[in-house]
Amino acid sequence: MFRLTHMMGWDDTVWNHITARTPGTDHTFFMHQFGLLYEEIKASNLIKVDENGKVLEGPSDVNTAGFIIHSAVHLNHPKNKFVFHAHPPMALAATALKDGIPYLVQDSSMLYGKVGYHDWEGLSVDKDERFRIAENLGENKVLIMRNHGLLTVGETAGES
């Protein structure tokens, strides 16, 4: 997913994140080492973390904001095994719309009623924000983080 995201131009230096739940568990997931560009990420520099952010395997450079955002989903929505967070330029304008996405064209109608909204609280470093993110996502697969970026989730990498 990292290479595809890079090829699509959706990477944003070190500020986007992709995580995957560790197979067979509900309490750990893999994320990438902080400070790497997407074209530098490979399996050997992924980090396995627990629900408290403790590194269980791999390098110890955890992106705190990435951990807060992704653990919100992994802790509270266990059926979603993959979480993708990005700031694609073409979507950032939609994150700033006061009333959310206007469903004006056929293509956007597939998201009607399937999008949650989370008001940006600043850099995500407060573990309590996890509960608000999870609540705002609800059963949706898309969360617009107002004035920030997008969060998508899924049971498979492709769905997210």
C-alpha atoms as a PDB file:
ATOM      1  CA  MET A   1       0.000   0.000   0.000  1.00  0.00           C
ATOM      2  CA  PHE A   2       2.871   2.376   0.706  1.00  0.00           C
ATOM      3  CA  ARG A   3       4.277   2.068  -2.809  1.00  0.00           C
ATOM      4  CA  LEU A   4       0.855   2.472  -4.412  1.00  0.00           C
ATOM      5  CA  THR A   5       0.138   5.532  -2.269  1.00  0.00           C
ATOM      6  CA  HIS A   6       3.470   7.016  -3.328  1.00  0.00           C
ATOM      7  CA  MET A   7       2.820   6.232  -7.018  1.00  0.00           C
ATOM      8  CA  MET A   8      -0.585   7.958  -6.789  1.00  0.00           C
ATOM      9  CA  GLY A   9       1.017  11.057  -5.246  1.00  0.00           C
ATOM     10  CA  TRP A  10      -1.009  10.717  -2.039  1.00  0.00           C
ATOM     11  CA  ASP A  11       2.001  10.654   0.266  1.00  0.00           C
ATOM     12  CA  ASP A  12       2.747  13.793   2.257  1.00  0.00           C
ATOM     13  CA  THR A  13       6.360  13.526   3.367  1.00  0.00           C
ATOM     14  CA  VAL A  14       6.090  11.804   6.784  1.00  0.00           C
ATOM     15  CA  TRP A  15       2.573  12.841   7.795  1.00  0.00           C
ATOM     16  CA  ASN A  16       0.387  10.128   6.270  1.00  0.00           C
ATOM     17  CA  HIS A  17      -0.033   6.725   7.866  1.00  0.00           C
ATOM     18  CA  ILE A  18      -1.139   3.225   6.937  1.00  0.00           C
ATOM     19  CA  THR A  19      -1.627   0.537   9.567  1.00  0.00           C
ATOM     20  CA  ALA A  20      -2.640  -3.114   9.586  1.00  0.00           C
ATOM     21  CA  ARG A  21      -3.868  -5.162  12.528  1.00  0.00           C
ATOM     22  CA  THR A  22      -1.550  -8.029  13.410  1.00  0.00           C
ATOM     23  CA  PRO A  23      -3.219 -11.200  12.063  1.00  0.00           C
ATOM     24  CA  GLY A  24      -4.948 -13.168  14.799  1.00  0.00           C
ATOM     25  CA  THR A  25      -4.965 -10.357  17.380  1.00  0.00           C
ATOM     26  CA  ASP A  26      -7.163  -7.454  18.375  1.00  0.00           C
ATOM     27  CA  HIS A  27      -4.555  -5.613  20.407  1.00  0.00           C
ATOM     28  CA  THR A  28      -1.530  -5.029  18.176  1.00  0.00           C
ATOM     29  CA  PHE A  29      -0.942  -3.525  14.773  1.00  0.00           C
ATOM     30  CA  PHE A  30       1.848  -2.665  12.355  1.00  0.00           C
ATOM     31  CA  MET A  31       2.730   0.904  11.437  1.00  0.00           C
ATOM     32  CA  HIS A  32       5.712   2.441   9.712  1.00  0.00           C
ATOM     33  CA  GLN A  33       8.692   4.004  11.405  1.00  0.00           C
ATOM     34  CA  PHE A  34       8.412   7.774  11.844  1.00  0.00           C
ATOM     35  CA  GLY A  35      10.581   9.850   9.539  1.00  0.00           C
ATOM     36  CA  LEU A  36      10.543   7.557   6.509  1.00  0.00           C
ATOM     37  CA  LEU A  37       9.168   8.585   3.156  1.00  0.00           C
ATOM     38  CA  TYR A  38       6.724   6.134   1.605  1.00  0.00           C
ATOM     39  CA  GLU A  39       9.221   5.057  -1.025  1.00  0.00           C
ATOM     40  CA  GLU A  40      11.592   4.044   1.808  1.00  0.00           C
ATOM     41  CA  ILE A  41       9.128   1.850   3.700  1.00  0.00           C
ATOM     42  CA  LYS A  42       9.530  -1.915   3.561  1.00  0.00           C
ATOM     43  CA  ALA A  43       8.519  -4.828   5.773  1.00  0.00           C
ATOM     44  CA  SER A  44      11.798  -4.734   7.711  1.00  0.00           C
ATOM     45  CA  ASN A  45      11.191  -1.219   9.039  1.00  0.00           C
ATOM     46  CA  LEU A  46       7.583  -1.686  10.116  1.00  0.00           C
ATOM     47  CA  ILE A  47       6.871  -1.431  13.825  1.00  0.00           C
ATOM     48  CA  LYS A  48       4.550  -3.697  15.792  1.00  0.00           C
ATOM     49  CA  VAL A  49       2.844  -1.727  18.586  1.00  0.00           C
ATOM     50  CA  ASP A  50       0.310  -2.584  21.243  1.00  0.00           C
ATOM     51  CA  GLU A  51      -2.820  -0.608  22.149  1.00  0.00           C
ATOM     52  CA  ASN A  52      -0.773   1.633  24.478  1.00  0.00           C
ATOM     53  CA  GLY A  53       1.840   2.526  21.865  1.00  0.00           C
ATOM     54  CA  LYS A  54       4.515   0.242  23.282  1.00  0.00           C
ATOM     55  CA  VAL A  55       6.853  -1.020  20.571  1.00  0.00           C
ATOM     56  CA  LEU A  56       6.870  -4.825  20.542  1.00  0.00           C
ATOM     57  CA  GLU A  57       8.984  -5.342  17.399  1.00  0.00           C
ATOM     58  CA  GLY A  58      11.033  -3.171  15.084  1.00  0.00           C
ATOM     59  CA  PRO A  59      12.556   0.304  15.340  1.00  0.00           C
ATOM     60  CA  SER A  60      11.311   2.487  18.171  1.00  0.00           C
ATOM     61  CA  ASP A  61      10.459   5.670  16.258  1.00  0.00           C
ATOM     62  CA  VAL A  62       6.658   5.779  16.622  1.00  0.00           C
ATOM     63  CA  ASN A  63       4.685   8.636  15.100  1.00  0.00           C
ATOM     64  CA  THR A  64       2.602   9.674  18.124  1.00  0.00           C
ATOM     65  CA  ALA A  65      -0.127  11.379  16.095  1.00  0.00           C
ATOM     66  CA  GLY A  66      -0.306   8.394  13.756  1.00  0.00           C
ATOM     67  CA  PHE A  67      -0.574   6.040  16.709  1.00  0.00           C
ATOM     68  CA  ILE A  68      -3.402   8.069  18.298  1.00  0.00           C
ATOM     69  CA  ILE A  69      -5.415   8.248  15.068  1.00  0.00           C
ATOM     70  CA  HIS A  70      -4.966   4.603  14.075  1.00  0.00           C
ATOM     71  CA  SER A  71      -5.321   3.067  17.514  1.00  0.00           C
ATOM     72  CA  ALA A  72      -8.729   4.764  17.730  1.00  0.00           C
ATOM     73  CA  VAL A  73      -9.917   2.432  14.977  1.00  0.00           C
ATOM     74  CA  HIS A  74      -7.935  -0.669  15.931  1.00  0.00           C
ATOM     75  CA  LEU A  75      -9.161  -0.506  19.550  1.00  0.00           C
ATOM     76  CA  ASN A  76     -12.788   0.361  18.910  1.00  0.00           C
ATOM     77  CA  HIS A  77     -13.626  -1.097  15.500  1.00  0.00           C
ATOM     78  CA  PRO A  78     -11.861  -4.490  15.435  1.00  0.00           C
ATOM     79  CA  LYS A  79     -13.545  -5.684  12.225  1.00  0.00           C
ATOM     80  CA  ASN A  80     -11.526  -3.043  10.344  1.00  0.00           C
ATOM     81  CA  LYS A  81      -8.064  -4.491   9.962  1.00  0.00           C
ATOM     82  CA  PHE A  82      -6.577  -1.721   7.802  1.00  0.00           C
ATOM     83  CA  VAL A  83      -6.531   2.042   8.367  1.00  0.00           C
ATOM     84  CA  PHE A  84      -5.359   4.644   5.858  1.00  0.00           C
ATOM     85  CA  HIS A  85      -4.862   8.327   6.737  1.00  0.00           C
ATOM     86  CA  ALA A  86      -3.816  10.868   4.134  1.00  0.00           C
ATOM     87  CA  HIS A  87      -3.922  14.523   3.161  1.00  0.00           C
ATOM     88  CA  PRO A  88      -4.424  14.357  -0.629  1.00  0.00           C
ATOM     89  CA  PRO A  89      -4.517  17.912  -2.012  1.00  0.00           C
ATOM     90  CA  MET A  90      -7.702  17.300  -4.009  1.00  0.00           C
ATOM     91  CA  ALA A  91      -9.524  16.198  -0.846  1.00  0.00           C
ATOM     92  CA  LEU A  92      -8.242  18.831   1.567  1.00  0.00           C
ATOM     93  CA  ALA A  93     -10.726  21.367   0.209  1.00  0.00           C
ATOM     94  CA  ALA A  94     -13.568  19.015   1.156  1.00  0.00           C
ATOM     95  CA  THR A  95     -12.230  18.797   4.714  1.00  0.00           C
ATOM     96  CA  ALA A  96     -12.722  22.552   5.079  1.00  0.00           C
ATOM     97  CA  LEU A  97     -16.372  22.604   3.992  1.00  0.00           C
ATOM     98  CA  LYS A  98     -18.561  23.604   6.935  1.00  0.00           C
ATOM     99  CA  ASP A  99     -21.463  21.395   5.861  1.00  0.00           C
ATOM    100  CA  GLY A 100     -19.364  18.463   4.662  1.00  0.00           C
ATOM    101  CA  ILE A 101     -19.349  16.895   1.225  1.00  0.00           C
ATOM    102  CA  PRO A 102     -22.018  18.261  -1.105  1.00  0.00           C
ATOM    103  CA  TYR A 103     -23.457  15.287  -2.968  1.00  0.00           C
ATOM    104  CA  LEU A 104     -23.795  17.151  -6.250  1.00  0.00           C
ATOM    105  CA  VAL A 105     -22.612  14.567  -8.747  1.00  0.00           C
ATOM    106  CA  GLN A 106     -23.237  10.890  -9.298  1.00  0.00           C
ATOM    107  CA  ASP A 107     -19.728   9.867  -8.247  1.00  0.00           C
ATOM    108  CA  SER A 108     -20.121  11.367  -4.778  1.00  0.00           C
ATOM    109  CA  SER A 109     -23.487   9.697  -4.190  1.00  0.00           C
ATOM    110  CA  MET A 110     -21.802   6.382  -3.366  1.00  0.00           C
ATOM    111  CA  LEU A 111     -20.592   8.037  -0.148  1.00  0.00           C
ATOM    112  CA  TYR A 112     -23.989   9.426   0.852  1.00  0.00           C
ATOM    113  CA  GLY A 113     -24.713   8.505   4.457  1.00  0.00           C
ATOM    114  CA  LYS A 114     -21.404   6.644   4.764  1.00  0.00           C
ATOM    115  CA  VAL A 115     -19.102   9.431   5.932  1.00  0.00           C
ATOM    116  CA  GLY A 116     -18.331  10.512   9.485  1.00  0.00           C
ATOM    117  CA  TYR A 117     -16.868  13.871  10.466  1.00  0.00           C
ATOM    118  CA  HIS A 118     -14.337  14.678  13.173  1.00  0.00           C
ATOM    119  CA  ASP A 119     -13.430  18.245  14.111  1.00  0.00           C
ATOM    120  CA  TRP A 120      -9.687  18.749  14.087  1.00  0.00           C
ATOM    121  CA  GLU A 121      -8.328  19.121  17.626  1.00  0.00           C
ATOM    122  CA  GLY A 122      -4.796  20.069  16.640  1.00  0.00           C
ATOM    123  CA  LEU A 123      -1.887  17.651  16.497  1.00  0.00           C
ATOM    124  CA  SER A 124      -3.239  14.313  17.728  1.00  0.00           C
ATOM    125  CA  VAL A 125      -1.220  13.652  20.877  1.00  0.00           C
ATOM    126  CA  ASP A 126      -4.038  13.219  23.434  1.00  0.00           C
ATOM    127  CA  LYS A 127      -5.018   9.563  23.926  1.00  0.00           C
ATOM    128  CA  ASP A 128      -8.549  10.670  24.855  1.00  0.00           C
ATOM    129  CA  GLU A 129      -9.047  11.851  21.271  1.00  0.00           C
ATOM    130  CA  ARG A 130      -9.098   8.179  20.251  1.00  0.00           C
ATOM    131  CA  PHE A 131     -12.577   7.774  21.706  1.00  0.00           C
ATOM    132  CA  ARG A 132     -13.887  10.826  19.846  1.00  0.00           C
ATOM    133  CA  ILE A 133     -12.361   9.648  16.563  1.00  0.00           C
ATOM    134  CA  ALA A 134     -13.878   6.178  17.024  1.00  0.00           C
ATOM    135  CA  GLU A 135     -17.288   7.622  17.897  1.00  0.00           C
ATOM    136  CA  ASN A 136     -17.259  10.010  14.936  1.00  0.00           C
ATOM    137  CA  LEU A 137     -16.270   7.206  12.554  1.00  0.00           C
ATOM    138  CA  GLY A 138     -19.108   5.017  13.821  1.00  0.00           C
ATOM    139  CA  GLU A 139     -19.891   2.228  11.347  1.00  0.00           C
ATOM    140  CA  ASN A 140     -18.684   4.316   8.388  1.00  0.00           C
ATOM    141  CA  LYS A 141     -15.682   3.479   6.237  1.00  0.00           C
ATOM    142  CA  VAL A 142     -14.706   7.133   5.690  1.00  0.00           C
ATOM    143  CA  LEU A 143     -13.971   9.830   8.249  1.00  0.00           C
ATOM    144  CA  ILE A 144     -13.363  13.381   7.144  1.00  0.00           C
ATOM    145  CA  MET A 145     -11.098  14.988   9.691  1.00  0.00           C
ATOM    146  CA  ARG A 146     -12.137  18.604   9.268  1.00  0.00           C
ATOM    147  CA  ASN A 147      -9.337  20.959   8.206  1.00  0.00           C
ATOM    148  CA  HIS A 148      -6.930  18.042   8.416  1.00  0.00           C
ATOM    149  CA  GLY A 149      -7.322  15.039   6.112  1.00  0.00           C
ATOM    150  CA  LEU A 150      -9.089  11.787   5.365  1.00  0.00           C
ATOM    151  CA  LEU A 151      -9.284   8.498   7.217  1.00  0.00           C
ATOM    152  CA  THR A 152     -10.510   5.346   5.514  1.00  0.00           C
ATOM    153  CA  VAL A 153     -10.871   1.901   7.049  1.00  0.00           C
ATOM    154  CA  GLY A 154     -11.612  -1.591   5.848  1.00  0.00           C
ATOM    155  CA  GLU A 155     -11.538  -5.283   6.502  1.00  0.00           C
ATOM    156  CA  THR A 156      -9.003  -5.599   3.666  1.00  0.00           C
ATOM    157  CA  ALA A 157      -6.231  -3.360   2.374  1.00  0.00           C
ATOM    158  CA  GLY A 158      -8.210  -2.755  -0.814  1.00  0.00           C
ATOM    159  CA  GLU A 159     -11.348  -1.731   1.039  1.00  0.00           C
ATOM    160  CA  SER A 160      -9.456   0.817   3.095  1.00  0.00           C
END
